[in-house]
């Protein structure tokens, strides 16, 4: 599993419209082969700042399967005009995972 992480800075005053557009865009990304899940988190300390986390089966499922699809063009049209500046997207492998309920 690969974790995609992006810090999104949304233009001031556009947060509510962004969240609405993100709800509309969510089924698009979920339709891609290799997609596992995603979550959008809003920053408590800095209004307009969000953390997007997407789980993919492989790096290529994101970089090729999603980014080179017509679905991505729809995603871009719905969301990219909200970003200022454009986000940096990074990918991570799990190095360590811990849960309070696990031994």
PDB file of N, CA and C in Angstrom:
ATOM      1  N   UNK A   1       0.833  -1.175   0.000  1.00  0.00           N
ATOM      2  CA  UNK A   1       0.000   0.000   0.000  1.00  0.00           C
ATOM      3  C   UNK A   1       0.886   1.249   0.000  1.00  0.00           C
ATOM      4  N   UNK A   2       0.483   2.237  -0.767  1.00  0.00           N
ATOM      5  CA  UNK A   2       1.176   3.525  -0.866  1.00  0.00           C
ATOM      6  C   UNK A   2       0.252   4.599  -0.298  1.00  0.00           C
ATOM      7  N   UNK A   3       0.813   5.509   0.464  1.00  0.00           N
ATOM      8  CA  UNK A   3       0.053   6.639   0.990  1.00  0.00           C
ATOM      9  C   UNK A   3       0.480   7.900   0.251  1.00  0.00           C
ATOM     10  N   UNK A   4      -0.462   8.511  -0.416  1.00  0.00           N
ATOM     11  CA  UNK A   4      -0.256   9.804  -1.067  1.00  0.00           C
ATOM     12  C   UNK A   4      -0.628  10.879  -0.064  1.00  0.00           C
ATOM     13  N   UNK A   5       0.212  11.894   0.081  1.00  0.00           N
ATOM     14  CA  UNK A   5      -0.061  12.988   1.008  1.00  0.00           C
ATOM     15  C   UNK A   5       0.141  14.326   0.302  1.00  0.00           C
ATOM     16  N   UNK A   6      -0.808  15.223   0.494  1.00  0.00           N
ATOM     17  CA  UNK A   6      -0.708  16.553  -0.100  1.00  0.00           C
ATOM     18  C   UNK A   6      -1.253  17.575   0.883  1.00  0.00           C
ATOM     19  N   UNK A   7      -0.496  18.642   1.085  1.00  0.00           N
ATOM     20  CA  UNK A   7      -0.981  19.794   1.849  1.00  0.00           C
ATOM     21  C   UNK A   7      -1.622  20.736   0.833  1.00  0.00           C
ATOM     22  N   UNK A   8      -2.888  21.046   1.064  1.00  0.00           N
ATOM     23  CA  UNK A   8      -3.636  21.901   0.144  1.00  0.00           C
ATOM     24  C   UNK A   8      -3.903  23.240   0.806  1.00  0.00           C
ATOM     25  N   UNK A   9      -3.481  24.309   0.168  1.00  0.00           N
ATOM     26  CA  UNK A   9      -3.775  25.658   0.632  1.00  0.00           C
ATOM     27  C   UNK A   9      -4.870  26.210  -0.277  1.00  0.00           C
ATOM     28  N   UNK A  10      -6.005  26.526   0.309  1.00  0.00           N
ATOM     29  CA  UNK A  10      -7.181  26.966  -0.438  1.00  0.00           C
ATOM     30  C   UNK A  10      -7.272  28.491  -0.364  1.00  0.00           C
ATOM     31  N   UNK A  11      -7.620  29.087  -1.490  1.00  0.00           N
ATOM     32  CA  UNK A  11      -7.760  30.544  -1.533  1.00  0.00           C
ATOM     33  C   UNK A  11      -8.723  31.012  -0.446  1.00  0.00           C
ATOM     34  N   UNK A  12      -8.359  32.106   0.193  1.00  0.00           N
ATOM     35  CA  UNK A  12      -9.132  32.645   1.311  1.00  0.00           C
ATOM     36  C   UNK A  12     -10.586  32.864   0.908  1.00  0.00           C
ATOM     37  N   UNK A  13     -11.489  32.388   1.772  1.00  0.00           N
ATOM     38  CA  UNK A  13     -12.908  32.555   1.543  1.00  0.00           C
ATOM     39  C   UNK A  13     -13.528  31.489   0.652  1.00  0.00           C
ATOM     40  N   UNK A  14     -12.711  30.578   0.143  1.00  0.00           N
ATOM     41  CA  UNK A  14     -13.197  29.543  -0.762  1.00  0.00           C
ATOM     42  C   UNK A  14     -13.317  28.166  -0.104  1.00  0.00           C
ATOM     43  N   UNK A  15     -13.110  28.107   1.206  1.00  0.00           N
ATOM     44  CA  UNK A  15     -13.078  26.826   1.904  1.00  0.00           C
ATOM     45  C   UNK A  15     -14.387  26.037   1.761  1.00  0.00           C
ATOM     46  N   UNK A  16     -15.508  26.686   1.955  1.00  0.00           N
ATOM     47  CA  UNK A  16     -16.789  25.979   1.877  1.00  0.00           C
ATOM     48  C   UNK A  16     -17.047  25.478   0.457  1.00  0.00           C
ATOM     49  N   UNK A  17     -16.768  26.296  -0.543  1.00  0.00           N
ATOM     50  CA  UNK A  17     -16.944  25.885  -1.933  1.00  0.00           C
ATOM     51  C   UNK A  17     -15.993  24.742  -2.283  1.00  0.00           C
ATOM     52  N   UNK A  18     -14.759  24.808  -1.751  1.00  0.00           N
ATOM     53  CA  UNK A  18     -13.800  23.723  -1.979  1.00  0.00           C
ATOM     54  C   UNK A  18     -14.313  22.414  -1.398  1.00  0.00           C
ATOM     55  N   UNK A  19     -14.788  22.451  -0.161  1.00  0.00           N
ATOM     56  CA  UNK A  19     -15.276  21.221   0.479  1.00  0.00           C
ATOM     57  C   UNK A  19     -16.469  20.639  -0.285  1.00  0.00           C
ATOM     58  N   UNK A  20     -17.323  21.485  -0.782  1.00  0.00           N
ATOM     59  CA  UNK A  20     -18.461  21.018  -1.574  1.00  0.00           C
ATOM     60  C   UNK A  20     -17.969  20.379  -2.879  1.00  0.00           C
ATOM     61  N   UNK A  21     -17.023  21.016  -3.549  1.00  0.00           N
ATOM     62  CA  UNK A  21     -16.464  20.465  -4.783  1.00  0.00           C
ATOM     63  C   UNK A  21     -15.712  19.166  -4.508  1.00  0.00           C
ATOM     64  N   UNK A  22     -15.059  19.091  -3.363  1.00  0.00           N
ATOM     65  CA  UNK A  22     -14.327  17.872  -3.006  1.00  0.00           C
ATOM     66  C   UNK A  22     -15.298  16.704  -2.805  1.00  0.00           C
ATOM     67  N   UNK A  23     -16.426  16.975  -2.180  1.00  0.00           N
ATOM     68  CA  UNK A  23     -17.447  15.923  -2.032  1.00  0.00           C
ATOM     69  C   UNK A  23     -17.901  15.425  -3.404  1.00  0.00           C
ATOM     70  N   UNK A  24     -18.052  16.337  -4.328  1.00  0.00           N
ATOM     71  CA  UNK A  24     -18.461  15.983  -5.688  1.00  0.00           C
ATOM     72  C   UNK A  24     -17.363  15.201  -6.409  1.00  0.00           C
ATOM     73  N   UNK A  25     -16.109  15.530  -6.140  1.00  0.00           N
ATOM     74  CA  UNK A  25     -14.976  14.882  -6.810  1.00  0.00           C
ATOM     75  C   UNK A  25     -14.618  13.527  -6.203  1.00  0.00           C
ATOM     76  N   UNK A  26     -14.999  13.290  -4.967  1.00  0.00           N
ATOM     77  CA  UNK A  26     -14.600  12.058  -4.276  1.00  0.00           C
ATOM     78  C   UNK A  26     -14.967  10.772  -5.013  1.00  0.00           C
ATOM     79  N   UNK A  27     -16.169  10.631  -5.564  1.00  0.00           N
ATOM     80  CA  UNK A  27     -16.469   9.395  -6.298  1.00  0.00           C
ATOM     81  C   UNK A  27     -15.595   9.200  -7.543  1.00  0.00           C
ATOM     82  N   UNK A  28     -15.064  10.284  -8.080  1.00  0.00           N
ATOM     83  CA  UNK A  28     -14.196  10.172  -9.259  1.00  0.00           C
ATOM     84  C   UNK A  28     -12.927   9.400  -8.915  1.00  0.00           C
ATOM     85  N   UNK A  29     -12.240   9.844  -7.866  1.00  0.00           N
ATOM     86  CA  UNK A  29     -10.991   9.184  -7.492  1.00  0.00           C
ATOM     87  C   UNK A  29     -11.263   7.757  -7.010  1.00  0.00           C
ATOM     88  N   UNK A  30     -12.392   7.569  -6.340  1.00  0.00           N
ATOM     89  CA  UNK A  30     -12.736   6.244  -5.825  1.00  0.00           C
ATOM     90  C   UNK A  30     -13.024   5.241  -6.941  1.00  0.00           C
ATOM     91  N   UNK A  31     -13.274   5.723  -8.138  1.00  0.00           N
ATOM     92  CA  UNK A  31     -13.589   4.835  -9.258  1.00  0.00           C
ATOM     93  C   UNK A  31     -12.352   4.235  -9.921  1.00  0.00           C
ATOM     94  N   UNK A  32     -11.162   4.687  -9.546  1.00  0.00           N
ATOM     95  CA  UNK A  32      -9.927   4.256 -10.198  1.00  0.00           C
ATOM     96  C   UNK A  32      -9.452   2.917  -9.642  1.00  0.00           C
ATOM     97  N   UNK A  33      -9.040   2.028 -10.535  1.00  0.00           N
ATOM     98  CA  UNK A  33      -8.487   0.742 -10.123  1.00  0.00           C
ATOM     99  C   UNK A  33      -7.247   0.976  -9.257  1.00  0.00           C
ATOM    100  N   UNK A  34      -7.163   0.311  -8.144  1.00  0.00           N
ATOM    101  CA  UNK A  34      -6.036   0.471  -7.230  1.00  0.00           C
ATOM    102  C   UNK A  34      -6.282   1.459  -6.111  1.00  0.00           C
ATOM    103  N   UNK A  35      -7.370   2.209  -6.196  1.00  0.00           N
ATOM    104  CA  UNK A  35      -7.752   3.127  -5.124  1.00  0.00           C
ATOM    105  C   UNK A  35      -8.203   2.310  -3.916  1.00  0.00           C
ATOM    106  N   UNK A  36      -7.786   2.727  -2.714  1.00  0.00           N
ATOM    107  CA  UNK A  36      -8.216   2.059  -1.478  1.00  0.00           C
ATOM    108  C   UNK A  36      -9.118   2.973  -0.655  1.00  0.00           C
ATOM    109  N   UNK A  37      -8.634   4.173  -0.336  1.00  0.00           N
ATOM    110  CA  UNK A  37      -9.437   5.101   0.469  1.00  0.00           C
ATOM    111  C   UNK A  37      -8.806   6.487   0.409  1.00  0.00           C
ATOM    112  N   UNK A  38      -9.570   7.470   0.883  1.00  0.00           N
ATOM    113  CA  UNK A  38      -9.000   8.810   1.031  1.00  0.00           C
ATOM    114  C   UNK A  38      -9.714   9.549   2.157  1.00  0.00           C
ATOM    115  N   UNK A  39      -9.006  10.550   2.678  1.00  0.00           N
ATOM    116  CA  UNK A  39      -9.552  11.395   3.738  1.00  0.00           C
ATOM    117  C   UNK A  39      -9.017  12.811   3.560  1.00  0.00           C
ATOM    118  N   UNK A  40      -9.871  13.765   3.800  1.00  0.00           N
ATOM    119  CA  UNK A  40      -9.495  15.169   3.750  1.00  0.00           C
ATOM    120  C   UNK A  40      -9.625  15.724   5.160  1.00  0.00           C
ATOM    121  N   UNK A  41      -8.547  16.318   5.662  1.00  0.00           N
ATOM    122  CA  UNK A  41      -8.513  16.861   7.024  1.00  0.00           C
ATOM    123  C   UNK A  41      -8.309  18.375   6.945  1.00  0.00           C
ATOM    124  N   UNK A  42      -9.079  19.125   7.720  1.00  0.00           N
ATOM    125  CA  UNK A  42      -8.884  20.571   7.778  1.00  0.00           C
ATOM    126  C   UNK A  42      -7.998  20.904   8.974  1.00  0.00           C
ATOM    127  N   UNK A  43      -7.116  21.853   8.781  1.00  0.00           N
ATOM    128  CA  UNK A  43      -6.172  22.258   9.816  1.00  0.00           C
ATOM    129  C   UNK A  43      -6.875  23.113  10.874  1.00  0.00           C
ATOM    130  N   UNK A  44      -6.625  22.815  12.114  1.00  0.00           N
ATOM    131  CA  UNK A  44      -7.219  23.564  13.224  1.00  0.00           C
ATOM    132  C   UNK A  44      -6.547  24.927  13.370  1.00  0.00           C
ATOM    133  N   UNK A  45      -5.221  24.944  13.268  1.00  0.00           N
ATOM    134  CA  UNK A  45      -4.472  26.181  13.511  1.00  0.00           C
ATOM    135  C   UNK A  45      -4.481  27.154  12.337  1.00  0.00           C
ATOM    136  N   UNK A  46      -4.668  26.652  11.123  1.00  0.00           N
ATOM    137  CA  UNK A  46      -4.553  27.507   9.942  1.00  0.00           C
ATOM    138  C   UNK A  46      -5.750  27.315   9.012  1.00  0.00           C
ATOM    139  N   UNK A  47      -6.738  28.189   9.089  1.00  0.00           N
ATOM    140  CA  UNK A  47      -7.891  28.079   8.199  1.00  0.00           C
ATOM    141  C   UNK A  47      -7.452  28.085   6.734  1.00  0.00           C
ATOM    142  N   UNK A  48      -8.111  27.275   5.941  1.00  0.00           N
ATOM    143  CA  UNK A  48      -7.783  27.209   4.519  1.00  0.00           C
ATOM    144  C   UNK A  48      -6.703  26.204   4.184  1.00  0.00           C
ATOM    145  N   UNK A  49      -6.157  25.547   5.198  1.00  0.00           N
ATOM    146  CA  UNK A  49      -5.117  24.539   4.984  1.00  0.00           C
ATOM    147  C   UNK A  49      -5.725  23.159   5.232  1.00  0.00           C
ATOM    148  N   UNK A  50      -5.484  22.233   4.297  1.00  0.00           N
ATOM    149  CA  UNK A  50      -6.031  20.886   4.373  1.00  0.00           C
ATOM    150  C   UNK A  50      -4.930  19.866   4.131  1.00  0.00           C
ATOM    151  N   UNK A  51      -5.130  18.693   4.682  1.00  0.00           N
ATOM    152  CA  UNK A  51      -4.259  17.552   4.431  1.00  0.00           C
ATOM    153  C   UNK A  51      -5.096  16.498   3.720  1.00  0.00           C
ATOM    154  N   UNK A  52      -4.662  16.123   2.529  1.00  0.00           N
ATOM    155  CA  UNK A  52      -5.314  15.063   1.767  1.00  0.00           C
ATOM    156  C   UNK A  52      -4.449  13.817   1.848  1.00  0.00           C
ATOM    157  N   UNK A  53      -5.040  12.718   2.303  1.00  0.00           N
ATOM    158  CA  UNK A  53      -4.357  11.427   2.372  1.00  0.00           C
ATOM    159  C   UNK A  53      -5.139  10.435   1.521  1.00  0.00           C
ATOM    160  N   UNK A  54      -4.448   9.797   0.575  1.00  0.00           N
ATOM    161  CA  UNK A  54      -5.074   8.809  -0.296  1.00  0.00           C
ATOM    162  C   UNK A  54      -4.261   7.532  -0.224  1.00  0.00           C
ATOM    163  N   UNK A  55      -4.932   6.427  -0.011  1.00  0.00           N
ATOM    164  CA  UNK A  55      -4.268   5.124  -0.017  1.00  0.00           C
ATOM    165  C   UNK A  55      -4.478   4.484  -1.387  1.00  0.00           C
ATOM    166  N   UNK A  56      -3.352   4.038  -1.962  1.00  0.00           N
ATOM    167  CA  UNK A  56      -3.344   3.377  -3.265  1.00  0.00           C
ATOM    168  C   UNK A  56      -2.696   2.009  -3.115  1.00  0.00           C
ATOM    169  N   UNK A  57      -3.091   1.083  -3.953  1.00  0.00           N
ATOM    170  CA  UNK A  57      -2.479  -0.240  -3.971  1.00  0.00           C
ATOM    171  C   UNK A  57      -1.011  -0.143  -4.399  1.00  0.00           C
ATOM    172  N   UNK A  58      -0.720   0.739  -5.373  1.00  0.00           N
ATOM    173  CA  UNK A  58       0.657   0.918  -5.847  1.00  0.00           C
ATOM    174  C   UNK A  58       0.857   2.365  -6.276  1.00  0.00           C
ATOM    175  N   UNK A  59       2.098   2.767  -6.404  1.00  0.00           N
ATOM    176  CA  UNK A  59       2.430   4.111  -6.870  1.00  0.00           C
ATOM    177  C   UNK A  59       1.863   4.344  -8.265  1.00  0.00           C
ATOM    178  N   UNK A  60       1.958   3.343  -9.126  1.00  0.00           N
ATOM    179  CA  UNK A  60       1.499   3.465 -10.503  1.00  0.00           C
ATOM    180  C   UNK A  60      -0.022   3.629 -10.592  1.00  0.00           C
ATOM    181  N   UNK A  61      -0.740   3.066  -9.623  1.00  0.00           N
ATOM    182  CA  UNK A  61      -2.189   3.263  -9.629  1.00  0.00           C
ATOM    183  C   UNK A  61      -2.529   4.746  -9.518  1.00  0.00           C
ATOM    184  N   UNK A  62      -1.699   5.503  -8.808  1.00  0.00           N
ATOM    185  CA  UNK A  62      -1.915   6.943  -8.713  1.00  0.00           C
ATOM    186  C   UNK A  62      -1.302   7.686  -9.889  1.00  0.00           C
ATOM    187  N   UNK A  63      -0.001   7.470 -10.104  1.00  0.00           N
ATOM    188  CA  UNK A  63       0.731   8.278 -11.079  1.00  0.00           C
ATOM    189  C   UNK A  63       0.352   7.984 -12.527  1.00  0.00           C
ATOM    190  N   UNK A  64      -0.068   6.761 -12.812  1.00  0.00           N
ATOM    191  CA  UNK A  64      -0.461   6.391 -14.179  1.00  0.00           C
ATOM    192  C   UNK A  64      -1.974   6.210 -14.259  1.00  0.00           C
ATOM    193  N   UNK A  65      -2.503   5.287 -13.439  1.00  0.00           N
ATOM    194  CA  UNK A  65      -3.919   4.954 -13.513  1.00  0.00           C
ATOM    195  C   UNK A  65      -4.839   6.140 -13.296  1.00  0.00           C
ATOM    196  N   UNK A  66      -4.527   6.979 -12.327  1.00  0.00           N
ATOM    197  CA  UNK A  66      -5.356   8.149 -12.044  1.00  0.00           C
ATOM    198  C   UNK A  66      -4.911   9.359 -12.848  1.00  0.00           C
ATOM    199  N   UNK A  67      -3.656   9.713 -12.730  1.00  0.00           N
ATOM    200  CA  UNK A  67      -3.170  10.956 -13.340  1.00  0.00           C
ATOM    201  C   UNK A  67      -3.254  10.966 -14.869  1.00  0.00           C
ATOM    202  N   UNK A  68      -3.264   9.811 -15.483  1.00  0.00           N
ATOM    203  CA  UNK A  68      -3.333   9.766 -16.943  1.00  0.00           C
ATOM    204  C   UNK A  68      -4.734   9.394 -17.443  1.00  0.00           C
ATOM    205  N   UNK A  69      -5.727   9.514 -16.571  1.00  0.00           N
ATOM    206  CA  UNK A  69      -7.091   9.135 -16.932  1.00  0.00           C
ATOM    207  C   UNK A  69      -7.947  10.364 -17.249  1.00  0.00           C
ATOM    208  N   UNK A  70      -9.052  10.121 -17.930  1.00  0.00           N
ATOM    209  CA  UNK A  70     -10.018  11.192 -18.181  1.00  0.00           C
ATOM    210  C   UNK A  70     -10.678  11.625 -16.868  1.00  0.00           C
ATOM    211  N   UNK A  71     -10.755  10.713 -15.911  1.00  0.00           N
ATOM    212  CA  UNK A  71     -11.307  11.030 -14.591  1.00  0.00           C
ATOM    213  C   UNK A  71     -10.478  12.125 -13.926  1.00  0.00           C
ATOM    214  N   UNK A  72      -9.162  12.059 -14.091  1.00  0.00           N
ATOM    215  CA  UNK A  72      -8.291  13.084 -13.509  1.00  0.00           C
ATOM    216  C   UNK A  72      -8.592  14.459 -14.101  1.00  0.00           C
ATOM    217  N   UNK A  73      -8.931  14.503 -15.375  1.00  0.00           N
ATOM    218  CA  UNK A  73      -9.277  15.783 -15.997  1.00  0.00           C
ATOM    219  C   UNK A  73     -10.519  16.392 -15.334  1.00  0.00           C
ATOM    220  N   UNK A  74     -11.482  15.554 -15.003  1.00  0.00           N
ATOM    221  CA  UNK A  74     -12.671  16.021 -14.283  1.00  0.00           C
ATOM    222  C   UNK A  74     -12.304  16.495 -12.878  1.00  0.00           C
ATOM    223  N   UNK A  75     -11.439  15.711 -12.188  1.00  0.00           N
ATOM    224  CA  UNK A  75     -10.942  16.062 -10.851  1.00  0.00           C
ATOM    225  C   UNK A  75     -10.282  17.445 -10.887  1.00  0.00           C
ATOM    226  N   UNK A  76      -9.400  17.642 -11.850  1.00  0.00           N
ATOM    227  CA  UNK A  76      -8.700  18.924 -12.003  1.00  0.00           C
ATOM    228  C   UNK A  76      -9.686  20.069 -12.197  1.00  0.00           C
ATOM    229  N   UNK A  77     -10.659  19.848 -13.054  1.00  0.00           N
ATOM    230  CA  UNK A  77     -11.633  20.899 -13.352  1.00  0.00           C
ATOM    231  C   UNK A  77     -12.425  21.297 -12.105  1.00  0.00           C
ATOM    232  N   UNK A  78     -12.735  20.327 -11.277  1.00  0.00           N
ATOM    233  CA  UNK A  78     -13.501  20.600 -10.059  1.00  0.00           C
ATOM    234  C   UNK A  78     -12.670  21.268  -8.964  1.00  0.00           C
ATOM    235  N   UNK A  79     -11.372  20.906  -8.849  1.00  0.00           N
ATOM    236  CA  UNK A  79     -10.610  21.276  -7.654  1.00  0.00           C
ATOM    237  C   UNK A  79      -9.410  22.191  -7.847  1.00  0.00           C
ATOM    238  N   UNK A  80      -8.709  22.100  -8.950  1.00  0.00           N
ATOM    239  CA  UNK A  80      -7.413  22.766  -9.043  1.00  0.00           C
ATOM    240  C   UNK A  80      -7.477  24.290  -8.969  1.00  0.00           C
ATOM    241  N   UNK A  81      -8.583  24.898  -9.323  1.00  0.00           N
ATOM    242  CA  UNK A  81      -8.664  26.357  -9.263  1.00  0.00           C
ATOM    243  C   UNK A  81      -8.755  26.894  -7.830  1.00  0.00           C
ATOM    244  N   UNK A  82      -8.944  26.014  -6.851  1.00  0.00           N
ATOM    245  CA  UNK A  82      -9.003  26.440  -5.445  1.00  0.00           C
ATOM    246  C   UNK A  82      -7.612  26.585  -4.817  1.00  0.00           C
ATOM    247  N   UNK A  83      -6.595  25.952  -5.390  1.00  0.00           N
ATOM    248  CA  UNK A  83      -5.274  25.866  -4.754  1.00  0.00           C
ATOM    249  C   UNK A  83      -4.442  27.121  -4.976  1.00  0.00           C
ATOM    250  N   UNK A  84      -3.800  27.579  -3.886  1.00  0.00           N
ATOM    251  CA  UNK A  84      -2.853  28.694  -3.986  1.00  0.00           C
ATOM    252  C   UNK A  84      -1.867  28.617  -2.833  1.00  0.00           C
ATOM    253  N   UNK A  85      -0.643  28.155  -3.068  1.00  0.00           N
ATOM    254  CA  UNK A  85      -0.061  27.702  -4.332  1.00  0.00           C
ATOM    255  C   UNK A  85      -0.495  26.270  -4.659  1.00  0.00           C
ATOM    256  N   UNK A  86      -0.066  25.794  -5.822  1.00  0.00           N
ATOM    257  CA  UNK A  86      -0.379  24.428  -6.211  1.00  0.00           C
ATOM    258  C   UNK A  86       0.347  23.472  -5.264  1.00  0.00           C
ATOM    259  N   UNK A  87      -0.332  22.429  -4.793  1.00  0.00           N
ATOM    260  CA  UNK A  87       0.262  21.545  -3.776  1.00  0.00           C
ATOM    261  C   UNK A  87       1.369  20.641  -4.309  1.00  0.00           C
ATOM    262  N   UNK A  88       2.272  20.299  -3.417  1.00  0.00           N
ATOM    263  CA  UNK A  88       3.258  19.255  -3.668  1.00  0.00           C
ATOM    264  C   UNK A  88       2.659  17.956  -3.174  1.00  0.00           C
ATOM    265  N   UNK A  89       2.730  16.929  -4.005  1.00  0.00           N
ATOM    266  CA  UNK A  89       2.193  15.612  -3.655  1.00  0.00           C
ATOM    267  C   UNK A  89       3.367  14.677  -3.428  1.00  0.00           C
ATOM    268  N   UNK A  90       3.343  13.955  -2.314  1.00  0.00           N
ATOM    269  CA  UNK A  90       4.404  12.996  -1.990  1.00  0.00           C
ATOM    270  C   UNK A  90       3.778  11.643  -1.702  1.00  0.00           C
ATOM    271  N   UNK A  91       4.590  10.597  -1.845  1.00  0.00           N
ATOM    272  CA  UNK A  91       4.128   9.222  -1.641  1.00  0.00           C
ATOM    273  C   UNK A  91       4.986   8.549  -0.580  1.00  0.00           C
ATOM    274  N   UNK A  92       4.334   7.736   0.264  1.00  0.00           N
ATOM    275  CA  UNK A  92       5.020   7.128   1.397  1.00  0.00           C
ATOM    276  C   UNK A  92       4.701   5.637   1.491  1.00  0.00           C
ATOM    277  N   UNK A  93       5.697   4.880   1.942  1.00  0.00           N
ATOM    278  CA  UNK A  93       5.520   3.491   2.353  1.00  0.00           C
ATOM    279  C   UNK A  93       5.416   3.468   3.866  1.00  0.00           C
ATOM    280  N   UNK A  94       4.723   2.495   4.422  1.00  0.00           N
ATOM    281  CA  UNK A  94       4.630   2.366   5.870  1.00  0.00           C
ATOM    282  C   UNK A  94       5.956   1.856   6.426  1.00  0.00           C
ATOM    283  N   UNK A  95       6.561   2.618   7.311  1.00  0.00           N
ATOM    284  CA  UNK A  95       7.804   2.209   7.969  1.00  0.00           C
ATOM    285  C   UNK A  95       7.497   1.532   9.305  1.00  0.00           C
ATOM    286  N   UNK A  96       6.456   1.999   9.979  1.00  0.00           N
ATOM    287  CA  UNK A  96       6.053   1.456  11.279  1.00  0.00           C
ATOM    288  C   UNK A  96       4.603   1.846  11.506  1.00  0.00           C
ATOM    289  N   UNK A  97       3.843   0.933  12.033  1.00  0.00           N
ATOM    290  CA  UNK A  97       2.452   1.228  12.360  1.00  0.00           C
ATOM    291  C   UNK A  97       2.165   0.679  13.740  1.00  0.00           C
ATOM    292  N   UNK A  98       1.483   1.457  14.535  1.00  0.00           N
ATOM    293  CA  UNK A  98       1.173   1.053  15.901  1.00  0.00           C
ATOM    294  C   UNK A  98      -0.270   1.431  16.194  1.00  0.00           C
ATOM    295  N   UNK A  99      -0.952   0.599  16.921  1.00  0.00           N
ATOM    296  CA  UNK A  99      -2.298   0.874  17.385  1.00  0.00           C
ATOM    297  C   UNK A  99      -2.389   0.509  18.853  1.00  0.00           C
ATOM    298  N   UNK A 100      -3.070   1.274  19.611  1.00  0.00           N
ATOM    299  CA  UNK A 100      -3.212   1.026  21.040  1.00  0.00           C
ATOM    300  C   UNK A 100      -3.815  -0.351  21.301  1.00  0.00           C
ATOM    301  N   UNK A 101      -4.641  -0.822  20.395  1.00  0.00           N
ATOM    302  CA  UNK A 101      -5.320  -2.100  20.567  1.00  0.00           C
ATOM    303  C   UNK A 101      -4.494  -3.294  20.098  1.00  0.00           C
ATOM    304  N   UNK A 102      -3.320  -3.061  19.535  1.00  0.00           N
ATOM    305  CA  UNK A 102      -2.478  -4.155  19.078  1.00  0.00           C
ATOM    306  C   UNK A 102      -1.404  -4.440  20.123  1.00  0.00           C
ATOM    307  N   UNK A 103      -1.001  -5.701  20.247  1.00  0.00           N
ATOM    308  CA  UNK A 103       0.051  -6.036  21.239  1.00  0.00           C
ATOM    309  C   UNK A 103       1.401  -5.418  20.878  1.00  0.00           C
TER     310      UNK A 103
END
